């Protein structure tokens, strides 16, 4: 009887302990490839915050880095040290080793050019992966990454954080605007010599444009001056969407949206939290929030803008740009 009494006492004590303390839920382990952007610190700070209750943790990092891009080479050592010392993230010498230690991957390299080669071992290891902007250094690589991911049945996606701010994504179904009939998006647009002009920073504003307009752009025309990019897209249904890239004066993110019920200014940059929420949900469910076809069209839009620039602003069909990229050996 005394033994039964002691057992009952233990059970009473256990019942008073929260379930998460009794049997802590398995943490989803995340690895980061490319520690040369402020995103790795911002994302890790959010994901590893116990108060968020994400059930995920950044645990391993692979530094990477691009010696011919100063904003990569000058930051990789600093951010690698900060991840290791402040967040207790293990630093490894290869992507293959990283993949053996994690359940999912954030490909964060600020340079889009190595993304295809960096993601191959991730796909080979069957790890779900989010690829930060720009998804690649050219359209052919974007298409190839999605092809490899589909072939191996590996969930893979990419997006700018600008897409998921409520003030941007909410414009698609805004009661104030109604049906979206057109959109003029804008963002800062610094250039980087190793990437197509809009890939490096204009991608944020182009992502805003497609978030609000949706896919379906048919042709693109572009005008460039020293301080401004202006790209006009005609959608298949006749709607017009434009992107203005800013390199002088006040630089901000947002759009003017023209609708069946009204005209309104969208929101702008609303932090990384909304994107991180989607990333965590992606890792838990395996469901991608942005279809590959839409991301491919975004990069085709930016590539077509370069072709239009080379042709003195002539209209360039996106279908032709995509077809050409698909045929690249």
Protein backbone atom coordinates (compact mmCIF):
# COMPACT_ATOMS: atom_id res chain seq x y z
CA UNK A 1 0.00 0.00 0.00
CA UNK A 2 2.88 2.38 0.80
CA UNK A 3 4.35 1.73 -2.68
CA UNK A 4 1.01 2.54 -4.33
CA UNK A 5 0.77 5.67 -2.26
CA UNK A 6 4.23 6.83 -3.36
CA UNK A 7 3.35 6.11 -7.01
CA UNK A 8 0.16 8.14 -6.75
CA UNK A 9 2.10 11.02 -5.20
CA UNK A 10 4.57 10.99 -8.10
CA UNK A 11 1.70 10.99 -10.61
CA UNK A 12 0.15 14.00 -8.89
CA UNK A 13 3.46 15.87 -9.12
CA UNK A 14 3.83 15.01 -12.83
CA UNK A 15 0.29 16.15 -13.55
CA UNK A 16 1.20 19.58 -12.23
CA UNK A 17 4.16 19.88 -14.62
CA UNK A 18 3.36 21.43 -18.04
CA UNK A 19 3.29 18.90 -20.84
CA UNK A 20 6.07 20.64 -22.79
CA UNK A 21 8.37 20.15 -19.79
CA UNK A 22 7.44 16.47 -19.38
CA UNK A 23 8.04 15.64 -23.04
CA UNK A 24 9.52 18.50 -25.03
CA UNK A 25 8.48 18.53 -28.67
CA UNK A 26 11.26 17.59 -31.07
CA UNK A 27 12.93 20.73 -32.39
CA UNK A 28 13.13 21.16 -36.19
CA UNK A 29 16.84 21.73 -36.84
CA UNK A 30 17.74 24.37 -39.44
CA UNK A 31 21.02 24.88 -41.24
CA UNK A 32 22.12 28.15 -42.88
CA UNK A 33 24.27 28.27 -46.00
CA UNK A 34 26.00 31.59 -46.72
CA UNK A 35 26.73 33.70 -43.65
CA UNK A 36 27.38 36.96 -45.49
CA UNK A 37 24.11 38.85 -45.08
CA UNK A 38 22.37 40.55 -42.17
CA UNK A 39 19.43 38.21 -42.83
CA UNK A 40 21.25 35.35 -41.10
CA UNK A 41 21.37 37.29 -37.84
CA UNK A 42 17.84 38.69 -38.12
CA UNK A 43 16.31 35.32 -39.05
CA UNK A 44 18.24 33.41 -36.36
CA UNK A 45 17.26 35.92 -33.69
CA UNK A 46 13.58 35.41 -34.56
CA UNK A 47 13.65 31.65 -35.12
CA UNK A 48 15.69 30.86 -31.99
CA UNK A 49 13.63 33.13 -29.72
CA UNK A 50 11.94 30.74 -27.24
CA UNK A 51 9.10 33.22 -26.73
CA UNK A 52 8.06 32.74 -30.37
CA UNK A 53 7.34 29.06 -29.78
CA UNK A 54 8.29 28.17 -33.36
CA UNK A 55 9.60 24.71 -32.49
CA UNK A 56 12.54 25.36 -34.83
CA UNK A 57 16.14 26.28 -34.20
CA UNK A 58 19.07 27.37 -36.34
CA UNK A 59 21.81 24.96 -35.23
CA UNK A 60 24.43 24.77 -38.01
CA UNK A 61 26.00 27.23 -40.45
CA UNK A 62 28.29 27.04 -43.49
CA UNK A 63 30.05 30.39 -44.13
CA UNK A 64 30.41 30.48 -47.92
CA UNK A 65 31.16 33.98 -49.17
CA UNK A 66 32.07 35.57 -52.52
CA UNK A 67 35.52 37.22 -52.72
CA UNK A 68 34.60 39.36 -55.75
CA UNK A 69 31.61 41.02 -54.03
CA UNK A 70 32.77 43.34 -51.21
CA UNK A 71 29.42 43.27 -49.40
CA UNK A 72 29.88 39.50 -49.09
CA UNK A 73 33.62 39.22 -48.48
CA UNK A 74 33.64 42.01 -45.90
CA UNK A 75 30.83 40.56 -43.80
CA UNK A 76 31.10 36.77 -43.82
CA UNK A 77 33.68 36.58 -41.02
CA UNK A 78 31.72 38.97 -38.80
CA UNK A 79 28.36 37.22 -39.19
CA UNK A 80 29.93 33.77 -38.85
CA UNK A 81 31.49 34.78 -35.53
CA UNK A 82 28.25 36.33 -34.32
CA UNK A 83 26.22 33.21 -35.12
CA UNK A 84 28.75 31.03 -33.33
CA UNK A 85 29.32 33.22 -30.28
CA UNK A 86 25.90 34.80 -29.70
CA UNK A 87 23.59 32.00 -30.86
CA UNK A 88 25.78 28.92 -30.25
CA UNK A 89 25.47 27.86 -33.89
CA UNK A 90 27.91 25.15 -34.98
CA UNK A 91 30.05 26.19 -37.97
CA UNK A 92 30.96 23.41 -40.42
CA UNK A 93 33.33 23.12 -43.37
CA UNK A 94 30.96 21.77 -46.04
CA UNK A 95 27.34 21.83 -47.15
CA UNK A 96 27.30 18.04 -47.10
CA UNK A 97 28.23 18.01 -43.41
CA UNK A 98 25.60 20.65 -42.70
CA UNK A 99 22.90 18.56 -44.39
CA UNK A 100 23.70 15.56 -42.18
CA UNK A 101 22.94 17.63 -39.07
CA UNK A 102 19.65 19.36 -40.01
CA UNK A 103 16.04 18.83 -41.03
CA UNK A 104 15.77 21.87 -43.32
CA UNK A 105 17.95 24.55 -44.92
CA UNK A 106 17.98 28.31 -45.40
CA UNK A 107 20.21 29.20 -48.38
CA UNK A 108 21.19 32.76 -47.49
CA UNK A 109 24.27 33.56 -49.63
CA UNK A 110 23.90 37.20 -50.67
CA UNK A 111 25.38 36.33 -54.08
CA UNK A 112 22.85 34.54 -56.28
CA UNK A 113 25.46 33.03 -58.64
CA UNK A 114 26.54 30.08 -56.43
CA UNK A 115 23.01 29.15 -55.39
CA UNK A 116 22.55 26.41 -57.99
CA UNK A 117 25.72 24.60 -56.96
CA UNK A 118 25.06 25.21 -53.26
CA UNK A 119 21.54 23.82 -53.42
CA UNK A 120 22.46 20.62 -55.29
CA UNK A 121 23.74 18.77 -52.20
CA UNK A 122 20.73 20.05 -50.25
CA UNK A 123 18.35 18.59 -52.82
CA UNK A 124 20.45 15.43 -52.95
CA UNK A 125 20.03 15.10 -49.18
CA UNK A 126 16.24 15.56 -49.54
CA UNK A 127 16.14 18.60 -47.26
CA UNK A 128 13.39 21.21 -47.72
CA UNK A 129 14.97 24.55 -48.62
CA UNK A 130 14.14 28.25 -48.70
CA UNK A 131 16.39 30.30 -50.99
CA UNK A 132 16.79 33.97 -50.12
CA UNK A 133 16.91 36.73 -52.73
CA UNK A 134 18.12 36.73 -55.41
CA UNK A 135 17.20 33.08 -56.03
CA UNK A 136 20.03 32.77 -58.58
CA UNK A 137 22.35 34.82 -60.74
CA UNK A 138 20.39 34.22 -63.95
CA UNK A 139 17.02 32.91 -65.10
CA UNK A 140 18.37 29.59 -66.40
CA UNK A 141 19.66 28.75 -62.91
CA UNK A 142 16.31 29.65 -61.34
CA UNK A 143 14.54 27.25 -63.72
CA UNK A 144 17.16 24.53 -63.16
CA UNK A 145 16.86 24.75 -59.36
CA UNK A 146 13.12 24.25 -59.53
CA UNK A 147 13.55 21.41 -62.04
CA UNK A 148 15.98 19.57 -59.77
CA UNK A 149 13.76 20.12 -56.72
CA UNK A 150 10.70 18.79 -58.54
CA UNK A 151 12.62 15.82 -59.92
CA UNK A 152 13.72 14.86 -56.39
CA UNK A 153 10.38 15.80 -54.76
CA UNK A 154 12.09 18.34 -52.49
CA UNK A 155 10.03 21.38 -51.36
CA UNK A 156 11.83 24.53 -52.51
CA UNK A 157 10.85 28.20 -52.81
CA UNK A 158 12.12 31.75 -52.74
CA UNK A 159 10.69 35.16 -51.88
CA UNK A 160 11.50 38.67 -50.76
CA UNK A 161 10.29 39.60 -47.28
CA UNK A 162 8.31 42.43 -48.92
CA UNK A 163 5.72 39.96 -50.22
CA UNK A 164 4.30 38.97 -46.85
CA UNK A 165 3.75 42.31 -45.13
CA UNK A 166 -0.03 42.62 -44.56
CA UNK A 167 0.00 46.01 -46.28
CA UNK A 168 1.31 44.41 -49.47
CA UNK A 169 -0.19 40.94 -49.67
CA UNK A 170 -3.50 42.31 -48.40
CA UNK A 171 -3.91 44.44 -51.54
CA UNK A 172 -4.91 41.40 -53.61
CA UNK A 173 -8.22 41.22 -51.76
CA UNK A 174 -8.63 44.76 -50.48
CA UNK A 175 -12.21 45.97 -49.97
CA UNK A 176 -10.98 49.51 -50.55
CA UNK A 177 -9.38 48.71 -53.93
CA UNK A 178 -11.57 45.89 -55.23
CA UNK A 179 -10.28 44.05 -58.28
CA UNK A 180 -6.68 45.08 -59.05
CA UNK A 181 -6.61 46.81 -62.44
CA UNK A 182 -3.04 48.11 -62.29
CA UNK A 183 -0.11 48.75 -59.99
CA UNK A 184 2.93 51.05 -59.82
CA UNK A 185 5.48 49.45 -57.47
CA UNK A 186 8.74 51.01 -56.30
CA UNK A 187 11.82 50.19 -54.24
CA UNK A 188 15.50 51.07 -53.89
CA UNK A 189 17.49 49.65 -56.80
CA UNK A 190 21.24 49.59 -56.28
CA UNK A 191 23.13 47.63 -58.96
CA UNK A 192 25.76 44.88 -58.66
CA UNK A 193 27.98 44.21 -61.66
CA UNK A 194 27.79 40.41 -61.48
CA UNK A 195 23.97 40.23 -61.55
CA UNK A 196 21.26 41.33 -63.99
CA UNK A 197 20.40 44.91 -63.03
CA UNK A 198 17.18 44.30 -61.09
CA UNK A 199 18.17 41.01 -59.44
CA UNK A 200 20.35 42.57 -56.73
CA UNK A 201 17.88 44.94 -55.07
CA UNK A 202 15.12 45.72 -57.52
CA UNK A 203 13.80 42.22 -56.85
CA UNK A 204 12.09 43.57 -53.72
CA UNK A 205 9.95 46.02 -55.66
CA UNK A 206 9.27 43.55 -58.47
CA UNK A 207 8.11 41.05 -55.83
CA UNK A 208 5.70 43.70 -54.55
CA UNK A 209 4.40 44.20 -58.10
CA UNK A 210 3.72 40.50 -58.65
CA UNK A 211 2.29 39.99 -55.18
CA UNK A 212 -0.36 42.60 -55.96
CA UNK A 213 -0.89 41.96 -59.68
CA UNK A 214 -0.45 38.20 -59.67
CA UNK A 215 1.31 36.34 -62.50
CA UNK A 216 0.43 36.67 -66.18
CA UNK A 217 2.81 39.34 -67.51
CA UNK A 218 3.21 39.08 -71.30
CA UNK A 219 5.69 41.79 -72.33
CA UNK A 220 8.16 44.18 -70.73
CA UNK A 221 9.66 47.56 -71.72
CA UNK A 222 12.39 49.38 -69.80
CA UNK A 223 13.86 52.85 -69.49
CA UNK A 224 17.05 53.48 -67.49
CA UNK A 225 18.71 56.70 -66.36
CA UNK A 226 21.50 57.28 -63.87
CA UNK A 227 19.16 57.50 -60.89
CA UNK A 228 16.04 55.65 -62.02
CA UNK A 229 14.81 52.39 -63.49
CA UNK A 230 11.36 52.28 -65.05
CA UNK A 231 9.92 48.99 -66.28
CA UNK A 232 6.40 48.63 -67.70
CA UNK A 233 4.77 45.23 -68.00
CA UNK A 234 1.61 44.46 -69.95
CA UNK A 235 -0.33 41.53 -68.52
CA UNK A 236 -2.14 39.03 -70.76
CA UNK A 237 -5.51 40.45 -69.70
CA UNK A 238 -4.51 43.99 -70.70
CA UNK A 239 -3.63 45.31 -67.25
CA UNK A 240 -0.45 47.35 -66.85
CA UNK A 241 1.97 47.05 -63.95
CA UNK A 242 5.11 49.12 -63.54
CA UNK A 243 8.24 49.04 -61.43
CA UNK A 244 10.23 52.15 -60.52
CA UNK A 245 13.74 51.57 -59.15
CA UNK A 246 15.10 54.39 -56.98
CA UNK A 247 18.76 55.40 -56.69
CA UNK A 248 18.41 59.06 -55.65
CA UNK A 249 16.28 61.09 -53.27
CA UNK A 250 13.93 59.42 -50.82
CA UNK A 251 14.12 55.63 -51.17
CA UNK A 252 11.26 53.51 -49.91
CA UNK A 253 9.18 50.39 -50.67
CA UNK A 254 5.55 50.24 -51.74
CA UNK A 255 3.05 50.65 -54.55
CA UNK A 256 0.11 52.64 -55.78
CA UNK A 257 -2.70 50.23 -56.58
CA UNK A 258 -5.52 51.00 -59.02
CA UNK A 259 -8.71 49.03 -58.55
CA UNK A 260 -12.34 48.66 -59.51
CA UNK A 261 -13.42 50.43 -56.29
CA UNK A 262 -10.57 52.77 -55.43
CA UNK A 263 -6.92 53.78 -55.59
CA UNK A 264 -4.71 53.17 -52.57
CA UNK A 265 -1.11 53.16 -51.38
CA UNK A 266 0.10 49.74 -50.32
CA UNK A 267 2.16 49.04 -47.26
CA UNK A 268 5.94 48.91 -47.47
CA UNK A 269 8.67 47.16 -45.57
CA UNK A 270 7.19 45.60 -42.43
CA UNK A 271 10.15 43.67 -41.06
CA UNK A 272 11.26 40.06 -41.45
CA UNK A 273 8.75 38.54 -39.04
CA UNK A 274 6.03 37.81 -41.59
CA UNK A 275 8.49 36.02 -43.89
CA UNK A 276 9.93 34.02 -40.99
CA UNK A 277 6.40 32.97 -40.02
CA UNK A 278 5.94 31.55 -43.55
CA UNK A 279 9.35 29.88 -43.49
CA UNK A 280 8.57 28.12 -40.21
CA UNK A 281 5.16 27.04 -41.49
CA UNK A 282 6.85 25.73 -44.65
CA UNK A 283 9.29 23.62 -42.65
CA UNK A 284 6.48 22.20 -40.52
CA UNK A 285 4.07 21.43 -43.36
CA UNK A 286 6.23 21.07 -46.48
CA UNK A 287 3.81 23.39 -48.32
CA UNK A 288 5.39 26.18 -50.37
CA UNK A 289 3.63 29.58 -50.19
CA UNK A 290 4.80 30.89 -53.58
CA UNK A 291 4.42 28.64 -56.67
CA UNK A 292 7.61 28.06 -58.71
CA UNK A 293 5.86 29.39 -61.81
CA UNK A 294 5.33 32.79 -60.19
CA UNK A 295 8.92 33.05 -59.01
CA UNK A 296 10.17 32.08 -62.47
CA UNK A 297 7.97 34.81 -63.97
CA UNK A 298 9.38 37.39 -61.55
CA UNK A 299 12.93 36.60 -62.65
CA UNK A 300 11.85 36.46 -66.30
CA UNK A 301 10.38 39.96 -65.87
CA UNK A 302 13.73 41.24 -64.58
CA UNK A 303 15.70 39.41 -67.27
CA UNK A 304 13.37 40.74 -69.96
CA UNK A 305 14.01 44.24 -68.58
CA UNK A 306 17.72 43.79 -69.34
CA UNK A 307 16.90 42.62 -72.87
CA UNK A 308 14.61 45.59 -73.41
CA UNK A 309 17.36 47.94 -72.22
CA UNK A 310 19.73 46.37 -74.78
CA UNK A 311 17.07 46.95 -77.45
CA UNK A 312 16.51 50.64 -76.60
CA UNK A 313 13.28 50.02 -74.72
CA UNK A 314 11.61 47.65 -77.20
CA UNK A 315 8.92 45.30 -75.90
CA UNK A 316 10.29 41.87 -74.93
CA UNK A 317 7.92 38.88 -74.54
CA UNK A 318 8.46 36.96 -71.29
CA UNK A 319 7.61 33.68 -73.02
CA UNK A 320 10.62 34.09 -75.31
CA UNK A 321 12.92 34.90 -72.41
CA UNK A 322 11.77 31.82 -70.49
CA UNK A 323 12.06 29.59 -73.56
CA UNK A 324 15.61 30.78 -74.20
CA UNK A 325 16.59 30.11 -70.57
CA UNK A 326 15.05 26.64 -70.65
CA UNK A 327 17.18 25.74 -73.67
CA UNK A 328 20.45 26.72 -72.04
CA UNK A 329 22.78 23.71 -71.84
